[in-house]
PDB file of N, CA and C in Angstrom:
ATOM      1  N   MET A   1       8.074  -0.163   5.840  1.00  0.00           N
ATOM      2  CA  MET A   1       8.058   1.661   6.296  1.00  0.00           C
ATOM      3  C   MET A   1       8.988   2.091   5.198  1.00  0.00           C
ATOM      4  N   ILE A   2       8.917   3.226   4.337  1.00  0.00           N
ATOM      5  CA  ILE A   2      10.334   3.876   3.992  1.00  0.00           C
ATOM      6  C   ILE A   2      11.152   4.948   5.654  1.00  0.00           C
ATOM      7  N   PRO A   3      12.508   3.853   5.421  1.00  0.00           N
ATOM      8  CA  PRO A   3      13.049   5.022   6.444  1.00  0.00           C
ATOM      9  C   PRO A   3      13.567   7.051   6.646  1.00  0.00           C
ATOM     10  N   LYS A   4      12.890   6.978   8.326  1.00  0.00           N
ATOM     11  CA  LYS A   4      12.552   8.866   8.209  1.00  0.00           C
ATOM     12  C   LYS A   4      13.784   8.768   8.128  1.00  0.00           C
ATOM     13  N   LYS A   5      14.774   8.507   9.239  1.00  0.00           N
ATOM     14  CA  LYS A   5      16.172   8.527   8.635  1.00  0.00           C
ATOM     15  C   LYS A   5      16.631   8.795   7.597  1.00  0.00           C
ATOM     16  N   ASP A   6      15.954   8.004   6.051  1.00  0.00           N
ATOM     17  CA  ASP A   6      16.347   8.114   4.486  1.00  0.00           C
ATOM     18  C   ASP A   6      15.900   9.367   3.983  1.00  0.00           C
ATOM     19  N   PHE A   7      14.838   9.714   4.880  1.00  0.00           N
ATOM     20  CA  PHE A   7      13.807  10.396   3.696  1.00  0.00           C
ATOM     21  C   PHE A   7      12.425  11.128   5.034  1.00  0.00           C
ATOM     22  N   PRO A   8      13.108  12.167   4.824  1.00  0.00           N
ATOM     23  CA  PRO A   8      12.194  12.723   6.959  1.00  0.00           C
ATOM     24  C   PRO A   8      11.080  13.757   6.124  1.00  0.00           C
ATOM     25  N   GLU A   9      11.735  14.580   4.936  1.00  0.00           N
ATOM     26  CA  GLU A   9      11.123  15.286   3.830  1.00  0.00           C
ATOM     27  C   GLU A   9       9.308  13.916   3.203  1.00  0.00           C
ATOM     28  N   TYR A  10       9.348  12.602   3.341  1.00  0.00           N
ATOM     29  CA  TYR A  10       8.179  12.151   3.308  1.00  0.00           C
ATOM     30  C   TYR A  10       7.242  12.177   4.261  1.00  0.00           C
ATOM     31  N   TYR A  11       7.837  11.827   5.607  1.00  0.00           N
ATOM     32  CA  TYR A  11       6.523  12.198   6.260  1.00  0.00           C
ATOM     33  C   TYR A  11       5.971  13.783   6.541  1.00  0.00           C
ATOM     34  N   LYS A  12       6.577  14.357   5.685  1.00  0.00           N
ATOM     35  CA  LYS A  12       5.754  16.099   6.315  1.00  0.00           C
ATOM     36  C   LYS A  12       5.552  15.959   5.054  1.00  0.00           C
ATOM     37  N   ILE A  13       5.274  15.270   3.925  1.00  0.00           N
ATOM     38  CA  ILE A  13       4.443  14.992   2.451  1.00  0.00           C
ATOM     39  C   ILE A  13       2.634  14.441   2.505  1.00  0.00           C
ATOM     40  N   VAL A  14       3.123  12.814   3.323  1.00  0.00           N
ATOM     41  CA  VAL A  14       2.697  12.322   3.656  1.00  0.00           C
ATOM     42  C   VAL A  14       1.523  11.711   4.363  1.00  0.00           C
ATOM     43  N   LYS A  15       0.288  12.514   3.868  1.00  0.00           N
ATOM     44  CA  LYS A  15      -0.678  12.179   5.359  1.00  0.00           C
ATOM     45  C   LYS A  15      -0.865  11.104   5.956  1.00  0.00           C
ATOM     46  N   ARG A  16      -1.467  10.406   5.413  1.00  0.00           N
ATOM     47  CA  ARG A  16      -1.612   8.396   6.241  1.00  0.00           C
ATOM     48  C   ARG A  16      -0.113   8.061   5.000  1.00  0.00           C
ATOM     49  N   PRO A  17       0.663   8.099   5.989  1.00  0.00           N
ATOM     50  CA  PRO A  17       1.664   6.869   5.342  1.00  0.00           C
ATOM     51  C   PRO A  17       1.170   5.146   6.539  1.00  0.00           C
ATOM     52  N   MET A  18       1.395   4.481   5.262  1.00  0.00           N
ATOM     53  CA  MET A  18       1.029   2.928   5.876  1.00  0.00           C
ATOM     54  C   MET A  18       2.431   2.521   4.782  1.00  0.00           C
ATOM     55  N   CYS A  19       1.895   0.937   5.420  1.00  0.00           N
ATOM     56  CA  CYS A  19       3.367  -0.244   5.111  1.00  0.00           C
ATOM     57  C   CYS A  19       2.987  -1.447   5.123  1.00  0.00           C
ATOM     58  N   PHE A  20       3.392  -2.628   5.426  1.00  0.00           N
ATOM     59  CA  PHE A  20       3.141  -3.295   4.981  1.00  0.00           C
ATOM     60  C   PHE A  20       3.009  -4.425   6.530  1.00  0.00           C
ATOM     61  N   GLU A  21       3.776  -3.675   7.904  1.00  0.00           N
ATOM     62  CA  GLU A  21       3.950  -3.548   8.698  1.00  0.00           C
ATOM     63  C   GLU A  21       2.310  -3.409   9.796  1.00  0.00           C
ATOM     64  N   MET A  22       1.970  -2.205   8.951  1.00  0.00           N
ATOM     65  CA  MET A  22       0.619  -2.237  10.013  1.00  0.00           C
ATOM     66  C   MET A  22      -0.194  -2.439   9.474  1.00  0.00           C
ATOM     67  N   ILE A  23      -0.685  -3.255   8.236  1.00  0.00           N
ATOM     68  CA  ILE A  23      -1.127  -3.415   7.139  1.00  0.00           C
ATOM     69  C   ILE A  23      -1.786  -5.500   8.505  1.00  0.00           C
ATOM     70  N   GLU A  24      -0.552  -5.691   8.495  1.00  0.00           N
ATOM     71  CA  GLU A  24      -0.394  -7.473   9.266  1.00  0.00           C
ATOM     72  C   GLU A  24      -1.472  -6.977  10.930  1.00  0.00           C
ATOM     73  N   LYS A  25      -0.795  -5.556  11.131  1.00  0.00           N
ATOM     74  CA  LYS A  25      -1.018  -5.572  12.522  1.00  0.00           C
ATOM     75  C   LYS A  25      -2.803  -5.283  12.300  1.00  0.00           C
ATOM     76  N   LYS A  26      -2.971  -4.830  10.675  1.00  0.00           N
ATOM     77  CA  LYS A  26      -4.918  -4.396  11.175  1.00  0.00           C
ATOM     78  C   LYS A  26      -5.611  -5.532  10.622  1.00  0.00           C
ATOM     79  N   PHE A  27      -5.074  -6.526  10.519  1.00  0.00           N
ATOM     80  CA  PHE A  27      -4.836  -7.747   9.661  1.00  0.00           C
ATOM     81  C   PHE A  27      -5.697  -8.426  10.463  1.00  0.00           C
ATOM     82  N   LYS A  28      -4.238  -8.281  11.378  1.00  0.00           N
ATOM     83  CA  LYS A  28      -4.161  -9.905  12.791  1.00  0.00           C
ATOM     84  C   LYS A  28      -5.198  -9.228  13.886  1.00  0.00           C
ATOM     85  N   SER A  29      -5.369  -7.362  13.778  1.00  0.00           N
ATOM     86  CA  SER A  29      -6.587  -6.884  15.186  1.00  0.00           C
ATOM     87  C   SER A  29      -7.658  -7.466  14.758  1.00  0.00           C
ATOM     88  N   GLY A  30      -7.965  -7.888  12.603  1.00  0.00           N
ATOM     89  CA  GLY A  30      -9.627  -7.799  12.835  1.00  0.00           C
ATOM     90  C   GLY A  30     -10.648  -5.883  12.508  1.00  0.00           C
ATOM     91  N   LYS A  31      -9.076  -5.535  11.924  1.00  0.00           N
ATOM     92  CA  LYS A  31      -9.570  -3.747  11.599  1.00  0.00           C
ATOM     93  C   LYS A  31     -10.716  -4.264  10.505  1.00  0.00           C
ATOM     94  N   TYR A  32     -10.589  -5.112   9.442  1.00  0.00           N
ATOM     95  CA  TYR A  32     -11.069  -5.148   8.390  1.00  0.00           C
ATOM     96  C   TYR A  32     -11.696  -5.542   8.236  1.00  0.00           C
ATOM     97  N   LYS A  33     -12.877  -5.512   7.921  1.00  0.00           N
ATOM     98  CA  LYS A  33     -14.314  -5.522   8.036  1.00  0.00           C
ATOM     99  C   LYS A  33     -14.532  -5.920   6.516  1.00  0.00           C
ATOM    100  N   ASN A  34     -13.437  -5.624   5.559  1.00  0.00           N
ATOM    101  CA  ASN A  34     -14.006  -5.948   3.585  1.00  0.00           C
ATOM    102  C   ASN A  34     -12.600  -5.501   3.196  1.00  0.00           C
ATOM    103  N   LEU A  35     -12.568  -6.476   2.000  1.00  0.00           N
ATOM    104  CA  LEU A  35     -12.552  -6.364   1.513  1.00  0.00           C
ATOM    105  C   LEU A  35     -11.068  -4.462   0.814  1.00  0.00           C
ATOM    106  N   GLU A  36     -12.546  -4.228   0.638  1.00  0.00           N
ATOM    107  CA  GLU A  36     -12.092  -2.444   0.426  1.00  0.00           C
ATOM    108  C   GLU A  36     -11.431  -1.787   1.128  1.00  0.00           C
ATOM    109  N   SER A  37     -11.659  -2.100   2.378  1.00  0.00           N
ATOM    110  CA  SER A  37     -11.050  -1.186   3.590  1.00  0.00           C
ATOM    111  C   SER A  37      -9.379  -2.165   3.322  1.00  0.00           C
ATOM    112  N   PHE A  38      -8.780  -2.535   3.244  1.00  0.00           N
ATOM    113  CA  PHE A  38      -7.831  -3.487   2.523  1.00  0.00           C
ATOM    114  C   PHE A  38      -7.143  -3.244   1.563  1.00  0.00           C
ATOM    115  N   PHE A  39      -7.769  -3.688   0.525  1.00  0.00           N
ATOM    116  CA  PHE A  39      -7.425  -2.998  -0.770  1.00  0.00           C
ATOM    117  C   PHE A  39      -7.164  -1.266  -0.540  1.00  0.00           C
ATOM    118  N   ILE A  40      -7.637  -0.246  -0.290  1.00  0.00           N
ATOM    119  CA  ILE A  40      -7.269   0.837   0.267  1.00  0.00           C
ATOM    120  C   ILE A  40      -5.984   1.519   0.810  1.00  0.00           C
ATOM    121  N   ASP A  41      -6.092   0.394   2.312  1.00  0.00           N
ATOM    122  CA  ASP A  41      -4.744   0.327   2.720  1.00  0.00           C
ATOM    123  C   ASP A  41      -3.255   0.399   1.891  1.00  0.00           C
ATOM    124  N   LEU A  42      -3.991  -1.191   1.170  1.00  0.00           N
ATOM    125  CA  LEU A  42      -2.573  -1.607  -0.339  1.00  0.00           C
ATOM    126  C   LEU A  42      -1.658  -0.592  -0.930  1.00  0.00           C
ATOM    127  N   SER A  43      -3.369   0.711  -1.735  1.00  0.00           N
ATOM    128  CA  SER A  43      -3.482   1.101  -2.664  1.00  0.00           C
ATOM    129  C   SER A  43      -2.139   2.305  -1.813  1.00  0.00           C
ATOM    130  N   LEU A  44      -2.684   2.680  -0.631  1.00  0.00           N
ATOM    131  CA  LEU A  44      -2.397   4.082  -0.217  1.00  0.00           C
ATOM    132  C   LEU A  44      -0.870   3.439  -0.629  1.00  0.00           C
ATOM    133  N   ILE A  45      -0.366   2.558   0.363  1.00  0.00           N
ATOM    134  CA  ILE A  45       1.251   2.548   0.118  1.00  0.00           C
ATOM    135  C   ILE A  45       1.370   2.838  -1.450  1.00  0.00           C
ATOM    136  N   THR A  46       1.075   3.176  -2.152  1.00  0.00           N
ATOM    137  CA  THR A  46       1.807   3.234  -3.941  1.00  0.00           C
ATOM    138  C   THR A  46       1.265   4.092  -4.192  1.00  0.00           C
ATOM    139  N   GLU A  47      -0.203   4.601  -3.629  1.00  0.00           N
ATOM    140  CA  GLU A  47       0.428   6.026  -3.668  1.00  0.00           C
ATOM    141  C   GLU A  47       0.984   6.987  -3.349  1.00  0.00           C
ATOM    142  N   ASN A  48       1.469   6.852  -2.220  1.00  0.00           N
ATOM    143  CA  ASN A  48       2.557   7.300  -0.466  1.00  0.00           C
ATOM    144  C   ASN A  48       3.769   7.864  -1.561  1.00  0.00           C
ATOM    145  N   VAL A  49       4.126   6.671  -2.078  1.00  0.00           N
ATOM    146  CA  VAL A  49       5.367   6.356  -2.510  1.00  0.00           C
ATOM    147  C   VAL A  49       5.703   7.799  -3.829  1.00  0.00           C
ATOM    148  N   PHE A  50       5.145   7.968  -4.896  1.00  0.00           N
ATOM    149  CA  PHE A  50       4.655   8.355  -5.755  1.00  0.00           C
ATOM    150  C   PHE A  50       4.791   9.794  -5.355  1.00  0.00           C
ATOM    151  N   LEU A  51       4.646  10.868  -3.851  1.00  0.00           N
ATOM    152  CA  LEU A  51       4.006  12.016  -3.547  1.00  0.00           C
ATOM    153  C   LEU A  51       5.098  12.682  -3.484  1.00  0.00           C
ATOM    154  N   CYS A  52       6.957  11.917  -3.267  1.00  0.00           N
ATOM    155  CA  CYS A  52       8.107  13.120  -2.742  1.00  0.00           C
ATOM    156  C   CYS A  52       8.682  12.003  -3.672  1.00  0.00           C
ATOM    157  N   PRO A  53       9.307  13.262  -4.494  1.00  0.00           N
ATOM    158  CA  PRO A  53       9.429  13.929  -5.727  1.00  0.00           C
ATOM    159  C   PRO A  53      11.820  12.926  -5.008  1.00  0.00           C
ATOM    160  N   ASN A  54      12.359  12.542  -3.594  1.00  0.00           N
ATOM    161  CA  ASN A  54      13.502  12.481  -3.642  1.00  0.00           C
ATOM    162  C   ASN A  54      13.239  10.667  -3.197  1.00  0.00           C
ATOM    163  N   ILE A  55      12.274   9.746  -4.461  1.00  0.00           N
ATOM    164  CA  ILE A  55      11.919   8.995  -2.999  1.00  0.00           C
ATOM    165  C   ILE A  55      12.948   7.226  -3.810  1.00  0.00           C
ATOM    166  N   GLU A  56      13.852   6.793  -3.380  1.00  0.00           N
ATOM    167  CA  GLU A  56      14.929   6.111  -4.416  1.00  0.00           C
ATOM    168  C   GLU A  56      13.842   5.108  -5.593  1.00  0.00           C
ATOM    169  N   GLU A  57      14.091   4.949  -6.831  1.00  0.00           N
ATOM    170  CA  GLU A  57      13.909   4.042  -7.658  1.00  0.00           C
ATOM    171  C   GLU A  57      13.314   3.085  -6.833  1.00  0.00           C
ATOM    172  N   LYS A  58      14.145   2.196  -6.479  1.00  0.00           N
ATOM    173  CA  LYS A  58      13.494   0.721  -5.311  1.00  0.00           C
ATOM    174  C   LYS A  58      11.668   0.923  -5.156  1.00  0.00           C
ATOM    175  N   TYR A  59      11.905   2.190  -4.329  1.00  0.00           N
ATOM    176  CA  TYR A  59      10.431   1.912  -3.434  1.00  0.00           C
ATOM    177  C   TYR A  59       9.461   1.953  -4.681  1.00  0.00           C
ATOM    178  N   ARG A  60       9.566   3.242  -6.017  1.00  0.00           N
ATOM    179  CA  ARG A  60       8.670   3.180  -7.014  1.00  0.00           C
ATOM    180  C   ARG A  60       8.709   1.722  -7.848  1.00  0.00           C
ATOM    181  N   ARG A  61       9.432   0.807  -8.483  1.00  0.00           N
ATOM    182  CA  ARG A  61       9.065  -0.503  -8.327  1.00  0.00           C
ATOM    183  C   ARG A  61       8.522  -1.340  -7.789  1.00  0.00           C
ATOM    184  N   ASN A  62       9.109  -1.372  -6.856  1.00  0.00           N
ATOM    185  CA  ASN A  62       8.343  -2.180  -5.386  1.00  0.00           C
ATOM    186  C   ASN A  62       6.482  -1.696  -5.412  1.00  0.00           C
ATOM    187  N   ALA A  63       6.543  -0.397  -5.659  1.00  0.00           N
ATOM    188  CA  ALA A  63       5.172  -0.159  -5.805  1.00  0.00           C
ATOM    189  C   ALA A  63       4.310   0.107  -7.063  1.00  0.00           C
ATOM    190  N   CYS A  64       4.777  -0.245  -8.234  1.00  0.00           N
ATOM    191  CA  CYS A  64       4.024  -0.893  -9.164  1.00  0.00           C
ATOM    192  C   CYS A  64       4.110  -2.119  -9.639  1.00  0.00           C
ATOM    193  N   ASP A  65       5.209  -2.857  -8.361  1.00  0.00           N
ATOM    194  CA  ASP A  65       4.657  -4.570  -8.855  1.00  0.00           C
ATOM    195  C   ASP A  65       3.305  -4.759  -7.704  1.00  0.00           C
ATOM    196  N   LEU A  66       3.759  -3.732  -6.838  1.00  0.00           N
ATOM    197  CA  LEU A  66       2.293  -3.713  -5.793  1.00  0.00           C
ATOM    198  C   LEU A  66       0.971  -3.502  -7.378  1.00  0.00           C
ATOM    199  N   VAL A  67       1.302  -2.096  -7.313  1.00  0.00           N
ATOM    200  CA  VAL A  67      -0.440  -1.909  -8.347  1.00  0.00           C
ATOM    201  C   VAL A  67      -0.094  -3.146  -8.871  1.00  0.00           C
ATOM    202  N   ASP A  68       0.238  -4.099 -10.431  1.00  0.00           N
ATOM    203  CA  ASP A  68       0.109  -4.878 -10.671  1.00  0.00           C
ATOM    204  C   ASP A  68      -0.870  -5.617 -10.316  1.00  0.00           C
ATOM    205  N   HIS A  69       0.356  -6.250  -8.554  1.00  0.00           N
ATOM    206  CA  HIS A  69      -0.629  -7.041  -8.237  1.00  0.00           C
ATOM    207  C   HIS A  69      -2.192  -7.160  -7.263  1.00  0.00           C
ATOM    208  N   ILE A  70      -2.418  -5.958  -6.987  1.00  0.00           N
ATOM    209  CA  ILE A  70      -3.595  -5.759  -6.817  1.00  0.00           C
ATOM    210  C   ILE A  70      -4.432  -6.598  -7.912  1.00  0.00           C
ATOM    211  N   LYS A  71      -4.021  -5.643  -8.883  1.00  0.00           N
ATOM    212  CA  LYS A  71      -5.472  -5.489 -10.741  1.00  0.00           C
ATOM    213  C   LYS A  71      -5.167  -7.195 -10.574  1.00  0.00           C
ATOM    214  N   SER A  72      -4.482  -8.085 -10.661  1.00  0.00           N
ATOM    215  CA  SER A  72      -4.592  -8.979 -11.186  1.00  0.00           C
ATOM    216  C   SER A  72      -4.953  -9.985 -10.245  1.00  0.00           C
ATOM    217  N   ILE A  73      -5.307  -8.985  -8.553  1.00  0.00           N
ATOM    218  CA  ILE A  73      -6.186  -9.757  -7.033  1.00  0.00           C
ATOM    219  C   ILE A  73      -7.502 -10.160  -8.002  1.00  0.00           C
ATOM    220  N   LEU A  74      -7.812  -8.237  -8.170  1.00  0.00           N
ATOM    221  CA  LEU A  74      -8.855  -8.157  -8.518  1.00  0.00           C
ATOM    222  C   LEU A  74      -9.930  -8.591  -9.204  1.00  0.00           C
ATOM    223  N   VAL A  75      -8.984  -8.824 -10.530  1.00  0.00           N
ATOM    224  CA  VAL A  75      -9.089  -9.570 -11.309  1.00  0.00           C
ATOM    225  C   VAL A  75      -9.760 -10.788 -11.159  1.00  0.00           C
ATOM    226  N   CYS A  76      -9.023 -12.040 -10.339  1.00  0.00           N
ATOM    227  CA  CYS A  76     -10.040 -12.869  -9.973  1.00  0.00           C
ATOM    228  C   CYS A  76     -10.426 -13.161  -9.097  1.00  0.00           C
ATOM    229  N   LEU A  77     -10.848 -12.254  -8.331  1.00  0.00           N
ATOM    230  CA  LEU A  77     -12.073 -11.814  -7.918  1.00  0.00           C
ATOM    231  C   LEU A  77     -13.128 -11.660  -8.190  1.00  0.00           C
ATOM    232  N   LYS A  78     -13.412 -10.409  -8.863  1.00  0.00           N
ATOM    233  CA  LYS A  78     -14.014 -11.027  -9.688  1.00  0.00           C
ATOM    234  C   LYS A  78     -14.985 -11.045 -10.275  1.00  0.00           C
ATOM    235  N   CYS A  79     -13.590 -12.780 -10.360  1.00  0.00           N
ATOM    236  CA  CYS A  79     -13.892 -14.226 -11.614  1.00  0.00           C
ATOM    237  C   CYS A  79     -14.458 -15.221 -11.326  1.00  0.00           C
ATOM    238  N   SER A  80     -13.886 -15.185  -9.424  1.00  0.00           N
ATOM    239  CA  SER A  80     -14.713 -16.474  -8.254  1.00  0.00           C
ATOM    240  C   SER A  80     -16.163 -16.430  -8.926  1.00  0.00           C
ATOM    241  N   PRO A  81     -16.440 -17.939  -8.831  1.00  0.00           N
ATOM    242  CA  PRO A  81     -17.826 -18.414  -8.363  1.00  0.00           C
ATOM    243  C   PRO A  81     -18.088 -17.725  -7.257  1.00  0.00           C
ATOM    244  N   ASP A  82     -17.394 -17.656  -6.230  1.00  0.00           N
ATOM    245  CA  ASP A  82     -17.529 -16.859  -5.138  1.00  0.00           C
ATOM    246  C   ASP A  82     -19.012 -15.798  -4.903  1.00  0.00           C
ATOM    247  N   THR A  83     -17.976 -14.952  -6.058  1.00  0.00           N
ATOM    248  CA  THR A  83     -18.849 -13.071  -5.540  1.00  0.00           C
ATOM    249  C   THR A  83     -19.812 -13.215  -6.117  1.00  0.00           C
TER     250      THR A  83
END
């Protein structure tokens, strides 16, 4: 999660904060009923980081990397013989 002390404006702008820790908790508690809801939360991470103009570049780079990984996974899932 983006540190509140470093970027307090993030939490004023972003209405649906998401982070890997939250995703992990949801996963472990069985809240994800399908892949779509899981990928929606992953996408929230990437969308949220671009809403705030003062976020450090490292967060934006990480978000772009995440988007690339999500796209790769989706391509693999579409090609999977199990789908």
